[in-house]
Amino acid sequence: MPREISAGAIIVRKTPDDYKYLLLHYELGHWEFAKGHIEPGEDERETVRREVAEETGITDLTFVEGFHETIRYFFRWKESRIFKIVVFLLVETFQEVVKLSDEHIGFEWLSYEDAMKRLKFKNSKSILEKANELLLRRR
């Protein structure tokens, strides 16, 4: 069975009274975090920097230590069933302006509560919950 390994980012921006999380709107209709394949020779952080820059135009990133979460799932591509592993890192930015790539049809900076409502997949909600808990403990 084919296998893919990717890295992604929970992108957060601190506002005066809240955290805002960046969700990307995919053409298939769901909302999700920035992520992409780990290229040969890249580590997870390099992939996150590259993918976030490509998908959002955001280059001002600071990695939040202590956050490293992995999700696993199956998906179908053409006639194949593919096993996907995605490692998520938590990154902070001060950059509010987003320049989307062609693979997305929209984006929003959302509060934790609104992001949880927008996310469709249980594993994505779990990752966001863990990221938010870590940020609240750091306050």
N, C-alpha and C. Protein backbone atom coordinates (compact mmCIF):
# COMPACT_ATOMS: atom_id res chain seq x y z
N MET A 1 0.84 -1.18 0.00
CA MET A 1 0.00 0.00 0.00
C MET A 1 0.89 1.24 0.00
N PRO A 2 0.59 2.18 -0.88
CA PRO A 2 1.38 3.43 -0.91
C PRO A 2 1.26 4.19 0.41
N ARG A 3 2.34 4.90 0.75
CA ARG A 3 2.38 5.69 1.98
C ARG A 3 2.93 7.07 1.68
N GLU A 4 2.36 8.10 2.30
CA GLU A 4 2.84 9.47 2.16
C GLU A 4 3.15 10.02 3.54
N ILE A 5 4.23 10.78 3.62
CA ILE A 5 4.59 11.44 4.87
C ILE A 5 4.65 12.94 4.62
N SER A 6 3.92 13.69 5.44
CA SER A 6 3.84 15.13 5.28
C SER A 6 4.11 15.81 6.61
N ALA A 7 4.30 17.12 6.54
CA ALA A 7 4.42 17.95 7.73
C ALA A 7 3.48 19.14 7.56
N GLY A 8 2.89 19.56 8.66
CA GLY A 8 1.96 20.67 8.61
C GLY A 8 2.11 21.59 9.80
N ALA A 9 1.37 22.68 9.77
CA ALA A 9 1.50 23.70 10.80
C ALA A 9 0.14 24.17 11.30
N ILE A 10 0.05 24.26 12.61
CA ILE A 10 -1.03 25.01 13.23
C ILE A 10 -0.45 26.43 13.33
N ILE A 11 -1.00 27.34 12.56
CA ILE A 11 -0.48 28.72 12.52
C ILE A 11 -1.36 29.58 13.42
N VAL A 12 -0.72 30.24 14.38
CA VAL A 12 -1.45 31.06 15.34
C VAL A 12 -0.88 32.47 15.36
N ARG A 13 -1.78 33.43 15.55
CA ARG A 13 -1.39 34.84 15.66
C ARG A 13 -2.04 35.39 16.93
N LYS A 14 -1.23 35.98 17.78
CA LYS A 14 -1.75 36.54 19.03
C LYS A 14 -2.34 37.91 18.76
N THR A 15 -3.56 38.12 19.21
CA THR A 15 -4.21 39.42 19.15
C THR A 15 -4.27 39.95 20.59
N PRO A 16 -4.68 41.20 20.79
CA PRO A 16 -4.65 41.75 22.15
C PRO A 16 -5.39 40.91 23.21
N ASP A 17 -6.47 40.23 22.82
CA ASP A 17 -7.22 39.48 23.82
C ASP A 17 -7.48 38.03 23.47
N ASP A 18 -6.83 37.53 22.43
CA ASP A 18 -7.18 36.17 21.97
C ASP A 18 -6.07 35.63 21.08
N TYR A 19 -6.18 34.36 20.74
CA TYR A 19 -5.37 33.75 19.69
C TYR A 19 -6.26 33.56 18.48
N LYS A 20 -5.69 33.76 17.30
CA LYS A 20 -6.40 33.51 16.05
C LYS A 20 -5.64 32.43 15.29
N TYR A 21 -6.37 31.44 14.82
CA TYR A 21 -5.79 30.31 14.09
C TYR A 21 -6.12 30.45 12.61
N LEU A 22 -5.14 30.15 11.77
CA LEU A 22 -5.35 30.24 10.33
C LEU A 22 -5.83 28.91 9.78
N LEU A 23 -7.00 28.94 9.16
CA LEU A 23 -7.52 27.77 8.46
C LEU A 23 -7.59 28.09 6.97
N LEU A 24 -7.28 27.09 6.16
CA LEU A 24 -7.32 27.23 4.71
C LEU A 24 -8.51 26.46 4.16
N HIS A 25 -9.17 27.05 3.18
CA HIS A 25 -10.33 26.43 2.55
C HIS A 25 -9.87 25.70 1.29
N TYR A 26 -10.05 24.41 1.29
CA TYR A 26 -9.63 23.57 0.17
C TYR A 26 -10.75 23.46 -0.86
N GLU A 27 -10.39 23.21 -2.10
CA GLU A 27 -11.37 23.13 -3.19
C GLU A 27 -12.41 22.05 -2.96
N LEU A 28 -12.06 20.99 -2.24
CA LEU A 28 -13.03 19.93 -1.97
C LEU A 28 -14.08 20.35 -0.95
N GLY A 29 -13.91 21.55 -0.37
CA GLY A 29 -14.93 22.10 0.51
C GLY A 29 -14.56 22.15 1.98
N HIS A 30 -13.58 21.39 2.39
CA HIS A 30 -13.23 21.37 3.82
C HIS A 30 -12.21 22.45 4.16
N TRP A 31 -12.10 22.72 5.46
CA TRP A 31 -11.14 23.68 6.00
C TRP A 31 -10.08 22.89 6.74
N GLU A 32 -8.83 23.31 6.63
CA GLU A 32 -7.73 22.53 7.19
C GLU A 32 -6.52 23.42 7.41
N PHE A 33 -5.49 22.83 7.97
CA PHE A 33 -4.22 23.52 8.22
C PHE A 33 -3.31 23.39 7.01
N ALA A 34 -2.30 24.24 6.94
CA ALA A 34 -1.30 24.15 5.88
C ALA A 34 -0.47 22.89 6.10
N LYS A 35 -0.23 22.15 5.02
CA LYS A 35 0.59 20.94 5.11
C LYS A 35 1.05 20.52 3.73
N GLY A 36 2.08 19.68 3.70
CA GLY A 36 2.57 19.18 2.43
C GLY A 36 3.63 18.12 2.61
N HIS A 37 3.99 17.49 1.51
CA HIS A 37 4.96 16.40 1.52
C HIS A 37 6.33 16.85 2.02
N ILE A 38 6.96 15.98 2.77
CA ILE A 38 8.35 16.20 3.16
C ILE A 38 9.22 15.80 1.97
N GLU A 39 9.95 16.77 1.45
CA GLU A 39 10.81 16.54 0.28
C GLU A 39 12.12 15.87 0.72
N PRO A 40 12.76 15.13 -0.19
CA PRO A 40 14.05 14.50 0.15
C PRO A 40 15.04 15.54 0.68
N GLY A 41 15.68 15.21 1.80
CA GLY A 41 16.67 16.10 2.39
C GLY A 41 16.11 17.12 3.36
N GLU A 42 14.77 17.23 3.45
CA GLU A 42 14.15 18.18 4.37
C GLU A 42 13.85 17.51 5.70
N ASP A 43 13.91 18.32 6.77
CA ASP A 43 13.36 17.84 8.03
C ASP A 43 11.98 18.46 8.19
N GLU A 44 11.30 18.13 9.27
CA GLU A 44 9.92 18.59 9.45
C GLU A 44 9.81 20.11 9.47
N ARG A 45 10.74 20.76 10.17
CA ARG A 45 10.68 22.23 10.25
C ARG A 45 10.91 22.88 8.89
N GLU A 46 11.83 22.35 8.13
CA GLU A 46 12.08 22.90 6.79
C GLU A 46 10.85 22.74 5.92
N THR A 47 10.18 21.59 6.02
CA THR A 47 8.96 21.37 5.25
C THR A 47 7.88 22.36 5.67
N VAL A 48 7.71 22.54 6.97
CA VAL A 48 6.69 23.48 7.46
C VAL A 48 6.99 24.88 6.94
N ARG A 49 8.23 25.34 7.04
CA ARG A 49 8.57 26.68 6.54
C ARG A 49 8.24 26.81 5.04
N ARG A 50 8.64 25.81 4.26
CA ARG A 50 8.42 25.86 2.81
C ARG A 50 6.92 25.82 2.49
N GLU A 51 6.21 24.87 3.08
CA GLU A 51 4.78 24.72 2.78
C GLU A 51 3.97 25.94 3.21
N VAL A 52 4.25 26.47 4.40
CA VAL A 52 3.52 27.65 4.87
C VAL A 52 3.79 28.83 3.93
N ALA A 53 5.04 29.01 3.53
CA ALA A 53 5.36 30.10 2.60
C ALA A 53 4.65 29.90 1.26
N GLU A 54 4.68 28.68 0.74
CA GLU A 54 4.04 28.41 -0.56
C GLU A 54 2.52 28.58 -0.50
N GLU A 55 1.90 28.09 0.58
CA GLU A 55 0.44 28.06 0.65
C GLU A 55 -0.18 29.35 1.17
N THR A 56 0.59 30.12 1.96
CA THR A 56 0.01 31.31 2.60
C THR A 56 0.81 32.59 2.38
N GLY A 57 2.04 32.48 1.93
CA GLY A 57 2.90 33.64 1.81
C GLY A 57 3.51 34.08 3.13
N ILE A 58 3.20 33.39 4.21
CA ILE A 58 3.72 33.75 5.53
C ILE A 58 5.13 33.20 5.69
N THR A 59 6.07 34.09 5.99
CA THR A 59 7.46 33.68 6.18
C THR A 59 7.97 33.98 7.59
N ASP A 60 7.23 34.79 8.33
CA ASP A 60 7.58 35.14 9.70
C ASP A 60 7.01 34.07 10.63
N LEU A 61 7.82 33.06 10.96
CA LEU A 61 7.35 31.95 11.79
C LEU A 61 8.29 31.71 12.96
N THR A 62 7.71 31.45 14.12
CA THR A 62 8.47 31.02 15.28
C THR A 62 7.86 29.71 15.75
N PHE A 63 8.67 28.68 15.86
CA PHE A 63 8.17 27.38 16.30
C PHE A 63 7.94 27.40 17.80
N VAL A 64 6.81 26.85 18.23
CA VAL A 64 6.49 26.74 19.65
C VAL A 64 7.03 25.40 20.13
N GLU A 65 7.99 25.46 21.02
CA GLU A 65 8.61 24.23 21.52
C GLU A 65 7.59 23.41 22.32
N GLY A 66 7.75 22.11 22.26
CA GLY A 66 6.90 21.22 23.05
C GLY A 66 5.65 20.76 22.32
N PHE A 67 5.51 21.11 21.04
CA PHE A 67 4.34 20.66 20.29
C PHE A 67 4.81 19.87 19.07
N HIS A 68 4.46 18.60 19.04
CA HIS A 68 4.80 17.70 17.94
C HIS A 68 3.75 16.60 17.95
N GLU A 69 2.77 16.74 17.08
CA GLU A 69 1.64 15.80 17.05
C GLU A 69 1.57 15.13 15.68
N THR A 70 1.18 13.87 15.69
CA THR A 70 1.09 13.09 14.46
C THR A 70 -0.31 12.54 14.28
N ILE A 71 -0.83 12.64 13.06
CA ILE A 71 -2.09 11.99 12.72
C ILE A 71 -1.83 11.00 11.59
N ARG A 72 -2.66 9.99 11.55
CA ARG A 72 -2.57 8.96 10.52
C ARG A 72 -3.97 8.71 9.97
N TYR A 73 -4.06 8.56 8.65
CA TYR A 73 -5.36 8.27 8.05
C TYR A 73 -5.17 7.67 6.66
N PHE A 74 -6.24 7.13 6.14
CA PHE A 74 -6.26 6.59 4.79
C PHE A 74 -7.09 7.52 3.91
N PHE A 75 -6.67 7.61 2.63
CA PHE A 75 -7.50 8.32 1.65
C PHE A 75 -7.35 7.64 0.30
N ARG A 76 -8.29 7.92 -0.56
CA ARG A 76 -8.27 7.34 -1.91
C ARG A 76 -7.79 8.38 -2.90
N TRP A 77 -6.89 7.97 -3.78
CA TRP A 77 -6.44 8.81 -4.88
C TRP A 77 -6.49 7.96 -6.12
N LYS A 78 -7.40 8.34 -7.03
CA LYS A 78 -7.68 7.56 -8.23
C LYS A 78 -8.10 6.17 -7.79
N GLU A 79 -7.37 5.14 -8.12
CA GLU A 79 -7.75 3.77 -7.75
C GLU A 79 -6.99 3.25 -6.54
N SER A 80 -6.12 4.07 -5.97
CA SER A 80 -5.27 3.61 -4.88
C SER A 80 -5.79 4.06 -3.52
N ARG A 81 -5.54 3.21 -2.53
CA ARG A 81 -5.78 3.56 -1.14
C ARG A 81 -4.42 3.90 -0.55
N ILE A 82 -4.30 5.10 0.01
CA ILE A 82 -3.01 5.60 0.47
C ILE A 82 -3.05 5.83 1.98
N PHE A 83 -2.00 5.39 2.64
CA PHE A 83 -1.84 5.61 4.08
C PHE A 83 -1.02 6.88 4.25
N LYS A 84 -1.58 7.85 4.96
CA LYS A 84 -0.91 9.15 5.11
C LYS A 84 -0.57 9.39 6.58
N ILE A 85 0.65 9.88 6.79
CA ILE A 85 1.12 10.30 8.11
C ILE A 85 1.45 11.78 8.00
N VAL A 86 0.90 12.57 8.92
CA VAL A 86 1.18 14.01 8.93
C VAL A 86 1.65 14.41 10.33
N VAL A 87 2.82 15.01 10.39
CA VAL A 87 3.36 15.55 11.63
C VAL A 87 3.01 17.03 11.66
N PHE A 88 2.41 17.47 12.76
CA PHE A 88 2.04 18.88 12.90
C PHE A 88 2.90 19.55 13.95
N LEU A 89 3.36 20.75 13.60
CA LEU A 89 4.09 21.61 14.51
C LEU A 89 3.26 22.87 14.72
N LEU A 90 3.46 23.51 15.85
CA LEU A 90 2.75 24.74 16.17
C LEU A 90 3.69 25.91 15.91
N VAL A 91 3.21 26.89 15.14
CA VAL A 91 4.03 28.05 14.81
C VAL A 91 3.25 29.33 15.09
N GLU A 92 3.98 30.34 15.58
CA GLU A 92 3.39 31.65 15.81
C GLU A 92 3.90 32.61 14.74
N THR A 93 3.04 33.58 14.40
CA THR A 93 3.43 34.60 13.45
C THR A 93 2.82 35.94 13.86
N PHE A 94 3.45 37.02 13.42
CA PHE A 94 2.88 38.35 13.58
C PHE A 94 2.29 38.81 12.25
N GLN A 95 2.51 38.03 11.22
CA GLN A 95 2.10 38.39 9.86
C GLN A 95 0.61 38.08 9.69
N GLU A 96 -0.18 39.09 9.43
CA GLU A 96 -1.63 38.92 9.28
C GLU A 96 -2.05 38.71 7.83
N VAL A 97 -1.29 39.30 6.91
CA VAL A 97 -1.63 39.23 5.49
C VAL A 97 -1.32 37.83 4.96
N VAL A 98 -2.28 37.26 4.24
CA VAL A 98 -2.14 35.93 3.67
C VAL A 98 -2.25 36.04 2.15
N LYS A 99 -1.32 35.39 1.46
CA LYS A 99 -1.36 35.32 0.00
C LYS A 99 -1.51 33.85 -0.37
N LEU A 100 -2.72 33.46 -0.74
CA LEU A 100 -3.03 32.05 -0.98
C LEU A 100 -2.42 31.51 -2.26
N SER A 101 -2.08 30.23 -2.21
CA SER A 101 -1.67 29.51 -3.41
C SER A 101 -2.92 29.11 -4.18
N ASP A 102 -2.71 28.55 -5.37
CA ASP A 102 -3.83 28.12 -6.21
C ASP A 102 -4.56 26.90 -5.66
N GLU A 103 -3.97 26.20 -4.70
CA GLU A 103 -4.63 24.99 -4.19
C GLU A 103 -5.70 25.28 -3.15
N HIS A 104 -5.88 26.55 -2.79
CA HIS A 104 -6.89 26.93 -1.80
C HIS A 104 -7.83 27.96 -2.40
N ILE A 105 -9.06 27.98 -1.87
CA ILE A 105 -10.05 28.93 -2.38
C ILE A 105 -10.41 29.99 -1.35
N GLY A 106 -9.81 29.91 -0.17
CA GLY A 106 -10.07 30.92 0.85
C GLY A 106 -9.28 30.64 2.11
N PHE A 107 -9.37 31.58 3.04
CA PHE A 107 -8.72 31.42 4.34
C PHE A 107 -9.46 32.28 5.34
N GLU A 108 -9.27 31.98 6.62
CA GLU A 108 -9.78 32.83 7.69
C GLU A 108 -8.90 32.68 8.92
N TRP A 109 -8.72 33.79 9.61
CA TRP A 109 -8.12 33.80 10.95
C TRP A 109 -9.30 33.67 11.90
N LEU A 110 -9.32 32.60 12.69
CA LEU A 110 -10.48 32.33 13.54
C LEU A 110 -10.09 32.12 14.99
N SER A 111 -11.01 32.46 15.88
CA SER A 111 -10.83 32.13 17.30
C SER A 111 -10.81 30.60 17.43
N TYR A 112 -10.37 30.13 18.56
CA TYR A 112 -10.35 28.69 18.81
C TYR A 112 -11.75 28.09 18.62
N GLU A 113 -12.75 28.71 19.22
CA GLU A 113 -14.12 28.18 19.14
C GLU A 113 -14.62 28.13 17.70
N ASP A 114 -14.38 29.21 16.95
CA ASP A 114 -14.85 29.24 15.56
C ASP A 114 -14.07 28.27 14.68
N ALA A 115 -12.78 28.12 14.95
CA ALA A 115 -11.98 27.15 14.19
C ALA A 115 -12.46 25.73 14.45
N MET A 116 -12.79 25.43 15.70
CA MET A 116 -13.30 24.08 16.02
C MET A 116 -14.60 23.79 15.27
N LYS A 117 -15.44 24.81 15.13
CA LYS A 117 -16.70 24.63 14.39
C LYS A 117 -16.45 24.42 12.91
N ARG A 118 -15.42 25.06 12.38
CA ARG A 118 -15.15 25.02 10.95
C ARG A 118 -14.47 23.71 10.52
N LEU A 119 -13.64 23.15 11.41
CA LEU A 119 -12.94 21.91 11.07
C LEU A 119 -13.92 20.75 10.98
N LYS A 120 -13.68 19.88 10.01
CA LYS A 120 -14.58 18.76 9.75
C LYS A 120 -14.07 17.46 10.38
N PHE A 121 -12.77 17.25 10.35
CA PHE A 121 -12.22 15.96 10.75
C PHE A 121 -11.85 15.93 12.23
N LYS A 122 -12.18 14.80 12.86
CA LYS A 122 -11.94 14.63 14.30
C LYS A 122 -10.46 14.78 14.64
N ASN A 123 -9.57 14.22 13.82
CA ASN A 123 -8.14 14.31 14.13
C ASN A 123 -7.64 15.75 14.04
N SER A 124 -8.19 16.56 13.16
CA SER A 124 -7.81 17.97 13.06
C SER A 124 -8.29 18.74 14.30
N LYS A 125 -9.49 18.44 14.75
CA LYS A 125 -10.01 19.08 15.96
C LYS A 125 -9.15 18.71 17.17
N SER A 126 -8.72 17.47 17.24
CA SER A 126 -7.88 17.03 18.35
C SER A 126 -6.54 17.76 18.36
N ILE A 127 -5.94 17.93 17.18
CA ILE A 127 -4.66 18.64 17.06
C ILE A 127 -4.84 20.10 17.50
N LEU A 128 -5.91 20.75 17.06
CA LEU A 128 -6.15 22.14 17.43
C LEU A 128 -6.37 22.26 18.94
N GLU A 129 -7.10 21.33 19.51
CA GLU A 129 -7.35 21.35 20.96
C GLU A 129 -6.03 21.27 21.73
N LYS A 130 -5.14 20.39 21.31
CA LYS A 130 -3.85 20.25 21.99
C LYS A 130 -3.00 21.51 21.84
N ALA A 131 -3.03 22.12 20.66
CA ALA A 131 -2.28 23.35 20.43
C ALA A 131 -2.81 24.47 21.32
N ASN A 132 -4.12 24.60 21.39
CA ASN A 132 -4.72 25.65 22.19
C ASN A 132 -4.42 25.45 23.68
N GLU A 133 -4.47 24.21 24.15
CA GLU A 133 -4.15 23.92 25.55
C GLU A 133 -2.71 24.31 25.87
N LEU A 134 -1.79 24.02 24.97
CA LEU A 134 -0.39 24.38 25.19
C LEU A 134 -0.23 25.90 25.28
N LEU A 135 -0.87 26.62 24.38
CA LEU A 135 -0.77 28.08 24.39
C LEU A 135 -1.36 28.67 25.66
N LEU A 136 -2.47 28.13 26.12
CA LEU A 136 -3.11 28.65 27.34
C LEU A 136 -2.24 28.37 28.56
N ARG A 137 -1.56 27.24 28.59
CA ARG A 137 -0.65 26.93 29.71
C ARG A 137 0.54 27.86 29.73
N ARG A 138 0.95 28.35 28.56
CA ARG A 138 2.12 29.25 28.47
C ARG A 138 1.82 30.68 28.88
N ARG A 139 0.55 31.05 28.94
CA ARG A 139 0.17 32.44 29.27
C ARG A 139 0.66 32.83 30.63
